[in-house]
């Protein structure tokens, strides 16, 4: 239950962030595209029927870290 709530809050936060126009989008369209691709991959993993041999959780953590790093990049 807690994981599901956390996932929902993360998705909601990402949706809010993605709905706001980003001034960095024009400067970094490839990074913005990468963020969208990561978001889609995360959705696929969250709704997958299995855990990919125990690697789903690690992949989700890696996506979170990659998103964090890309958002930092967008500031420059």
PDB file of N, CA and C in Angstrom:
ATOM      1  N   UNK A   1       0.832  -1.192   0.000  1.00  0.00           N
ATOM      2  CA  UNK A   1       0.000   0.000   0.000  1.00  0.00           C
ATOM      3  C   UNK A   1       0.876   1.256   0.000  1.00  0.00           C
ATOM      4  N   UNK A   2       1.922   1.230   0.834  1.00  0.00           N
ATOM      5  CA  UNK A   2       2.777   2.404   0.942  1.00  0.00           C
ATOM      6  C   UNK A   2       3.532   2.657  -0.371  1.00  0.00           C
ATOM      7  N   UNK A   3       4.021   1.562  -1.003  1.00  0.00           N
ATOM      8  CA  UNK A   3       4.712   1.699  -2.282  1.00  0.00           C
ATOM      9  C   UNK A   3       3.791   2.264  -3.343  1.00  0.00           C
ATOM     10  N   UNK A   4       2.569   1.810  -3.352  1.00  0.00           N
ATOM     11  CA  UNK A   4       1.595   2.283  -4.348  1.00  0.00           C
ATOM     12  C   UNK A   4       1.308   3.774  -4.129  1.00  0.00           C
ATOM     13  N   UNK A   5       1.155   4.186  -2.894  1.00  0.00           N
ATOM     14  CA  UNK A   5       0.909   5.589  -2.586  1.00  0.00           C
ATOM     15  C   UNK A   5       2.106   6.436  -2.987  1.00  0.00           C
ATOM     16  N   UNK A   6       3.297   5.966  -2.671  1.00  0.00           N
ATOM     17  CA  UNK A   6       4.512   6.677  -3.045  1.00  0.00           C
ATOM     18  C   UNK A   6       4.606   6.803  -4.556  1.00  0.00           C
ATOM     19  N   UNK A   7       4.331   5.731  -5.263  1.00  0.00           N
ATOM     20  CA  UNK A   7       4.370   5.755  -6.726  1.00  0.00           C
ATOM     21  C   UNK A   7       3.359   6.749  -7.280  1.00  0.00           C
ATOM     22  N   UNK A   8       2.184   6.755  -6.715  1.00  0.00           N
ATOM     23  CA  UNK A   8       1.154   7.693  -7.167  1.00  0.00           C
ATOM     24  C   UNK A   8       1.582   9.141  -6.935  1.00  0.00           C
ATOM     25  N   UNK A   9       2.189   9.396  -5.796  1.00  0.00           N
ATOM     26  CA  UNK A   9       2.642  10.754  -5.504  1.00  0.00           C
ATOM     27  C   UNK A   9       3.770  11.173  -6.445  1.00  0.00           C
ATOM     28  N   UNK A  10       4.670  10.255  -6.745  1.00  0.00           N
ATOM     29  CA  UNK A  10       5.758  10.554  -7.673  1.00  0.00           C
ATOM     30  C   UNK A  10       5.195  10.872  -9.056  1.00  0.00           C
ATOM     31  N   UNK A  11       4.265  10.054  -9.506  1.00  0.00           N
ATOM     32  CA  UNK A  11       3.659  10.274 -10.824  1.00  0.00           C
ATOM     33  C   UNK A  11       2.920  11.604 -10.843  1.00  0.00           C
ATOM     34  N   UNK A  12       2.182  11.904  -9.799  1.00  0.00           N
ATOM     35  CA  UNK A  12       1.468  13.175  -9.722  1.00  0.00           C
ATOM     36  C   UNK A  12       2.441  14.346  -9.777  1.00  0.00           C
ATOM     37  N   UNK A  13       3.536  14.249  -9.019  1.00  0.00           N
ATOM     38  CA  UNK A  13       4.543  15.308  -9.034  1.00  0.00           C
ATOM     39  C   UNK A  13       5.154  15.487 -10.410  1.00  0.00           C
ATOM     40  N   UNK A  14       5.454  14.367 -11.071  1.00  0.00           N
ATOM     41  CA  UNK A  14       6.011  14.446 -12.423  1.00  0.00           C
ATOM     42  C   UNK A  14       5.019  15.049 -13.400  1.00  0.00           C
ATOM     43  N   UNK A  15       3.744  14.690 -13.250  1.00  0.00           N
ATOM     44  CA  UNK A  15       2.724  15.251 -14.138  1.00  0.00           C
ATOM     45  C   UNK A  15       2.620  16.759 -13.946  1.00  0.00           C
ATOM     46  N   UNK A  16       2.684  17.202 -12.707  1.00  0.00           N
ATOM     47  CA  UNK A  16       2.634  18.642 -12.443  1.00  0.00           C
ATOM     48  C   UNK A  16       3.852  19.357 -13.022  1.00  0.00           C
ATOM     49  N   UNK A  17       5.014  18.740 -12.843  1.00  0.00           N
ATOM     50  CA  UNK A  17       6.234  19.354 -13.359  1.00  0.00           C
ATOM     51  C   UNK A  17       6.232  19.378 -14.881  1.00  0.00           C
ATOM     52  N   UNK A  18       5.690  18.342 -15.498  1.00  0.00           N
ATOM     53  CA  UNK A  18       5.679  18.274 -16.948  1.00  0.00           C
ATOM     54  C   UNK A  18       4.624  19.196 -17.545  1.00  0.00           C
ATOM     55  N   UNK A  19       3.591  19.540 -16.780  1.00  0.00           N
ATOM     56  CA  UNK A  19       2.540  20.393 -17.302  1.00  0.00           C
ATOM     57  C   UNK A  19       2.952  21.869 -17.296  1.00  0.00           C
ATOM     58  N   UNK A  20       3.951  22.199 -16.499  1.00  0.00           N
ATOM     59  CA  UNK A  20       4.433  23.573 -16.459  1.00  0.00           C
ATOM     60  C   UNK A  20       5.418  23.800 -17.607  1.00  0.00           C
ATOM     61  N   UNK A  21       5.261  24.917 -18.303  1.00  0.00           N
ATOM     62  CA  UNK A  21       6.238  25.181 -19.368  1.00  0.00           C
ATOM     63  C   UNK A  21       7.632  25.365 -18.784  1.00  0.00           C
ATOM     64  N   UNK A  22       8.570  24.715 -19.394  1.00  0.00           N
ATOM     65  CA  UNK A  22       9.939  24.775 -18.904  1.00  0.00           C
ATOM     66  C   UNK A  22      10.773  25.666 -19.807  1.00  0.00           C
ATOM     67  N   UNK A  23      11.378  26.724 -19.259  1.00  0.00           N
ATOM     68  CA  UNK A  23      12.235  27.558 -20.090  1.00  0.00           C
ATOM     69  C   UNK A  23      13.452  26.789 -20.592  1.00  0.00           C
ATOM     70  N   UNK A  24      13.822  25.735 -19.887  1.00  0.00           N
ATOM     71  CA  UNK A  24      14.979  24.945 -20.300  1.00  0.00           C
ATOM     72  C   UNK A  24      14.654  24.040 -21.479  1.00  0.00           C
ATOM     73  N   UNK A  25      13.345  23.829 -21.748  1.00  0.00           N
ATOM     74  CA  UNK A  25      12.956  22.933 -22.825  1.00  0.00           C
ATOM     75  C   UNK A  25      13.522  23.405 -24.158  1.00  0.00           C
ATOM     76  N   UNK A  26      13.432  24.677 -24.415  1.00  0.00           N
ATOM     77  CA  UNK A  26      13.940  25.206 -25.680  1.00  0.00           C
ATOM     78  C   UNK A  26      15.456  25.071 -25.766  1.00  0.00           C
ATOM     79  N   UNK A  27      16.132  25.157 -24.644  1.00  0.00           N
ATOM     80  CA  UNK A  27      17.589  25.051 -24.639  1.00  0.00           C
ATOM     81  C   UNK A  27      18.058  23.605 -24.641  1.00  0.00           C
ATOM     82  N   UNK A  28      17.253  22.697 -24.097  1.00  0.00           N
ATOM     83  CA  UNK A  28      17.675  21.306 -23.924  1.00  0.00           C
ATOM     84  C   UNK A  28      16.578  20.328 -24.361  1.00  0.00           C
ATOM     85  N   UNK A  29      16.183  20.359 -25.629  1.00  0.00           N
ATOM     86  CA  UNK A  29      15.080  19.475 -26.046  1.00  0.00           C
ATOM     87  C   UNK A  29      15.421  17.990 -25.924  1.00  0.00           C
ATOM     88  N   UNK A  30      16.672  17.605 -26.091  1.00  0.00           N
ATOM     89  CA  UNK A  30      17.042  16.193 -25.975  1.00  0.00           C
ATOM     90  C   UNK A  30      16.956  15.709 -24.535  1.00  0.00           C
ATOM     91  N   UNK A  31      17.301  16.573 -23.599  1.00  0.00           N
ATOM     92  CA  UNK A  31      17.187  16.200 -22.184  1.00  0.00           C
ATOM     93  C   UNK A  31      15.719  16.078 -21.808  1.00  0.00           C
ATOM     94  N   UNK A  32      14.896  16.993 -22.294  1.00  0.00           N
ATOM     95  CA  UNK A  32      13.451  16.914 -22.038  1.00  0.00           C
ATOM     96  C   UNK A  32      12.880  15.612 -22.621  1.00  0.00           C
ATOM     97  N   UNK A  33      13.323  15.238 -23.808  1.00  0.00           N
ATOM     98  CA  UNK A  33      12.870  13.982 -24.418  1.00  0.00           C
ATOM     99  C   UNK A  33      13.320  12.786 -23.586  1.00  0.00           C
ATOM    100  N   UNK A  34      14.529  12.852 -23.052  1.00  0.00           N
ATOM    101  CA  UNK A  34      15.033  11.762 -22.204  1.00  0.00           C
ATOM    102  C   UNK A  34      14.196  11.643 -20.932  1.00  0.00           C
ATOM    103  N   UNK A  35      13.816  12.771 -20.359  1.00  0.00           N
ATOM    104  CA  UNK A  35      12.965  12.742 -19.163  1.00  0.00           C
ATOM    105  C   UNK A  35      11.617  12.100 -19.471  1.00  0.00           C
ATOM    106  N   UNK A  36      11.057  12.417 -20.610  1.00  0.00           N
ATOM    107  CA  UNK A  36       9.781  11.818 -20.990  1.00  0.00           C
ATOM    108  C   UNK A  36       9.923  10.307 -21.208  1.00  0.00           C
ATOM    109  N   UNK A  37      11.026   9.902 -21.836  1.00  0.00           N
ATOM    110  CA  UNK A  37      11.264   8.473 -22.059  1.00  0.00           C
ATOM    111  C   UNK A  37      11.436   7.740 -20.728  1.00  0.00           C
ATOM    112  N   UNK A  38      12.141   8.360 -19.798  1.00  0.00           N
ATOM    113  CA  UNK A  38      12.307   7.752 -18.468  1.00  0.00           C
ATOM    114  C   UNK A  38      10.962   7.621 -17.763  1.00  0.00           C
ATOM    115  N   UNK A  39      10.136   8.636 -17.900  1.00  0.00           N
ATOM    116  CA  UNK A  39       8.807   8.599 -17.287  1.00  0.00           C
ATOM    117  C   UNK A  39       7.990   7.439 -17.862  1.00  0.00           C
ATOM    118  N   UNK A  40       8.053   7.261 -19.168  1.00  0.00           N
ATOM    119  CA  UNK A  40       7.321   6.159 -19.798  1.00  0.00           C
ATOM    120  C   UNK A  40       7.863   4.801 -19.349  1.00  0.00           C
ATOM    121  N   UNK A  41       9.179   4.690 -19.259  1.00  0.00           N
ATOM    122  CA  UNK A  41       9.780   3.438 -18.807  1.00  0.00           C
ATOM    123  C   UNK A  41       9.366   3.127 -17.372  1.00  0.00           C
ATOM    124  N   UNK A  42       9.325   4.154 -16.554  1.00  0.00           N
ATOM    125  CA  UNK A  42       8.928   3.968 -15.160  1.00  0.00           C
ATOM    126  C   UNK A  42       7.480   3.495 -15.063  1.00  0.00           C
ATOM    127  N   UNK A  43       6.623   4.066 -15.891  1.00  0.00           N
ATOM    128  CA  UNK A  43       5.228   3.638 -15.914  1.00  0.00           C
ATOM    129  C   UNK A  43       5.125   2.167 -16.324  1.00  0.00           C
ATOM    130  N   UNK A  44       5.879   1.777 -17.327  1.00  0.00           N
ATOM    131  CA  UNK A  44       5.877   0.384 -17.774  1.00  0.00           C
ATOM    132  C   UNK A  44       6.321  -0.546 -16.637  1.00  0.00           C
ATOM    133  N   UNK A  45       7.385  -0.177 -15.953  1.00  0.00           N
ATOM    134  CA  UNK A  45       7.879  -1.004 -14.857  1.00  0.00           C
ATOM    135  C   UNK A  45       6.878  -1.068 -13.705  1.00  0.00           C
ATOM    136  N   UNK A  46       6.262   0.065 -13.404  1.00  0.00           N
ATOM    137  CA  UNK A  46       5.293   0.086 -12.302  1.00  0.00           C
ATOM    138  C   UNK A  46       4.071  -0.771 -12.589  1.00  0.00           C
ATOM    139  N   UNK A  47       3.720  -0.936 -13.845  1.00  0.00           N
ATOM    140  CA  UNK A  47       2.527  -1.698 -14.197  1.00  0.00           C
ATOM    141  C   UNK A  47       2.850  -3.081 -14.760  1.00  0.00           C
ATOM    142  N   UNK A  48       4.101  -3.474 -14.692  1.00  0.00           N
ATOM    143  CA  UNK A  48       4.507  -4.781 -15.223  1.00  0.00           C
ATOM    144  C   UNK A  48       3.939  -5.908 -14.372  1.00  0.00           C
ATOM    145  N   UNK A  49       3.714  -7.025 -15.025  1.00  0.00           N
ATOM    146  CA  UNK A  49       3.131  -8.184 -14.337  1.00  0.00           C
ATOM    147  C   UNK A  49       4.156  -8.962 -13.509  1.00  0.00           C
ATOM    148  N   UNK A  50       5.434  -8.722 -13.743  1.00  0.00           N
ATOM    149  CA  UNK A  50       6.458  -9.440 -12.983  1.00  0.00           C
ATOM    150  C   UNK A  50       7.586  -8.490 -12.595  1.00  0.00           C
ATOM    151  N   UNK A  51       8.570  -9.006 -11.859  1.00  0.00           N
ATOM    152  CA  UNK A  51       9.624  -8.134 -11.323  1.00  0.00           C
ATOM    153  C   UNK A  51      10.950  -8.243 -12.063  1.00  0.00           C
ATOM    154  N   UNK A  52      10.935  -8.850 -13.261  1.00  0.00           N
ATOM    155  CA  UNK A  52      12.122  -8.947 -14.108  1.00  0.00           C
ATOM    156  C   UNK A  52      13.307  -9.551 -13.355  1.00  0.00           C
ATOM    157  N   UNK A  53      13.048 -10.671 -12.736  1.00  0.00           N
ATOM    158  CA  UNK A  53      14.107 -11.384 -12.024  1.00  0.00           C
ATOM    159  C   UNK A  53      14.656 -10.618 -10.838  1.00  0.00           C
ATOM    160  N   UNK A  54      13.821  -9.780 -10.241  1.00  0.00           N
ATOM    161  CA  UNK A  54      14.246  -9.005  -9.080  1.00  0.00           C
ATOM    162  C   UNK A  54      14.913  -7.692  -9.421  1.00  0.00           C
ATOM    163  N   UNK A  55      14.940  -7.330 -10.684  1.00  0.00           N
ATOM    164  CA  UNK A  55      15.638  -6.114 -11.102  1.00  0.00           C
ATOM    165  C   UNK A  55      14.718  -4.894 -11.249  1.00  0.00           C
ATOM    166  N   UNK A  56      13.426  -5.078 -11.118  1.00  0.00           N
ATOM    167  CA  UNK A  56      12.502  -3.957 -11.295  1.00  0.00           C
ATOM    168  C   UNK A  56      12.759  -2.852 -10.267  1.00  0.00           C
ATOM    169  N   UNK A  57      12.910  -3.219  -9.028  1.00  0.00           N
ATOM    170  CA  UNK A  57      13.122  -2.214  -7.972  1.00  0.00           C
ATOM    171  C   UNK A  57      14.406  -1.431  -8.233  1.00  0.00           C
ATOM    172  N   UNK A  58      15.481  -2.131  -8.586  1.00  0.00           N
ATOM    173  CA  UNK A  58      16.740  -1.437  -8.889  1.00  0.00           C
ATOM    174  C   UNK A  58      16.585  -0.519 -10.089  1.00  0.00           C
ATOM    175  N   UNK A  59      15.858  -0.971 -11.096  1.00  0.00           N
ATOM    176  CA  UNK A  59      15.646  -0.149 -12.287  1.00  0.00           C
ATOM    177  C   UNK A  59      14.852   1.107 -11.939  1.00  0.00           C
ATOM    178  N   UNK A  60      13.859   0.975 -11.095  1.00  0.00           N
ATOM    179  CA  UNK A  60      13.067   2.145 -10.686  1.00  0.00           C
ATOM    180  C   UNK A  60      13.927   3.148  -9.920  1.00  0.00           C
ATOM    181  N   UNK A  61      14.795   2.657  -9.076  1.00  0.00           N
ATOM    182  CA  UNK A  61      15.708   3.560  -8.351  1.00  0.00           C
ATOM    183  C   UNK A  61      16.665   4.249  -9.327  1.00  0.00           C
ATOM    184  N   UNK A  62      17.146   3.504 -10.309  1.00  0.00           N
ATOM    185  CA  UNK A  62      18.054   4.086 -11.301  1.00  0.00           C
ATOM    186  C   UNK A  62      17.340   5.153 -12.127  1.00  0.00           C
ATOM    187  N   UNK A  63      16.089   4.925 -12.458  1.00  0.00           N
ATOM    188  CA  UNK A  63      15.310   5.924 -13.201  1.00  0.00           C
ATOM    189  C   UNK A  63      15.147   7.179 -12.357  1.00  0.00           C
ATOM    190  N   UNK A  64      14.826   7.012 -11.082  1.00  0.00           N
ATOM    191  CA  UNK A  64      14.686   8.184 -10.199  1.00  0.00           C
ATOM    192  C   UNK A  64      15.975   9.001 -10.161  1.00  0.00           C
ATOM    193  N   UNK A  65      17.101   8.322 -10.054  1.00  0.00           N
ATOM    194  CA  UNK A  65      18.386   9.017 -10.003  1.00  0.00           C
ATOM    195  C   UNK A  65      18.687   9.690 -11.343  1.00  0.00           C
ATOM    196  N   UNK A  66      18.401   9.014 -12.431  1.00  0.00           N
ATOM    197  CA  UNK A  66      18.639   9.602 -13.751  1.00  0.00           C
ATOM    198  C   UNK A  66      17.769  10.843 -13.949  1.00  0.00           C
ATOM    199  N   UNK A  67      16.518  10.774 -13.527  1.00  0.00           N
ATOM    200  CA  UNK A  67      15.643  11.945 -13.622  1.00  0.00           C
ATOM    201  C   UNK A  67      16.191  13.094 -12.791  1.00  0.00           C
ATOM    202  N   UNK A  68      16.671  12.785 -11.597  1.00  0.00           N
ATOM    203  CA  UNK A  68      17.222  13.834 -10.726  1.00  0.00           C
ATOM    204  C   UNK A  68      18.423  14.498 -11.394  1.00  0.00           C
ATOM    205  N   UNK A  69      19.308  13.691 -11.942  1.00  0.00           N
ATOM    206  CA  UNK A  69      20.495  14.244 -12.591  1.00  0.00           C
ATOM    207  C   UNK A  69      20.127  15.070 -13.820  1.00  0.00           C
ATOM    208  N   UNK A  70      19.174  14.609 -14.605  1.00  0.00           N
ATOM    209  CA  UNK A  70      18.775  15.361 -15.795  1.00  0.00           C
ATOM    210  C   UNK A  70      18.111  16.686 -15.422  1.00  0.00           C
ATOM    211  N   UNK A  71      17.347  16.699 -14.349  1.00  0.00           N
ATOM    212  CA  UNK A  71      16.745  17.967 -13.914  1.00  0.00           C
ATOM    213  C   UNK A  71      17.815  18.964 -13.471  1.00  0.00           C
ATOM    214  N   UNK A  72      18.874  18.458 -12.873  1.00  0.00           N
ATOM    215  CA  UNK A  72      19.999  19.334 -12.533  1.00  0.00           C
ATOM    216  C   UNK A  72      20.634  19.878 -13.817  1.00  0.00           C
ATOM    217  N   UNK A  73      20.812  19.009 -14.799  1.00  0.00           N
ATOM    218  CA  UNK A  73      21.379  19.447 -16.083  1.00  0.00           C
ATOM    219  C   UNK A  73      20.529  20.534 -16.729  1.00  0.00           C
ATOM    220  N   UNK A  74      19.220  20.444 -16.588  1.00  0.00           N
ATOM    221  CA  UNK A  74      18.323  21.408 -17.212  1.00  0.00           C
ATOM    222  C   UNK A  74      18.531  22.822 -16.672  1.00  0.00           C
ATOM    223  N   UNK A  75      19.142  22.938 -15.516  1.00  0.00           N
ATOM    224  CA  UNK A  75      19.374  24.256 -14.921  1.00  0.00           C
ATOM    225  C   UNK A  75      20.487  25.023 -15.598  1.00  0.00           C
ATOM    226  N   UNK A  76      21.271  24.348 -16.421  1.00  0.00           N
ATOM    227  CA  UNK A  76      22.420  24.997 -17.053  1.00  0.00           C
ATOM    228  C   UNK A  76      22.169  25.307 -18.498  1.00  0.00           C
TER     229      UNK A  76
END
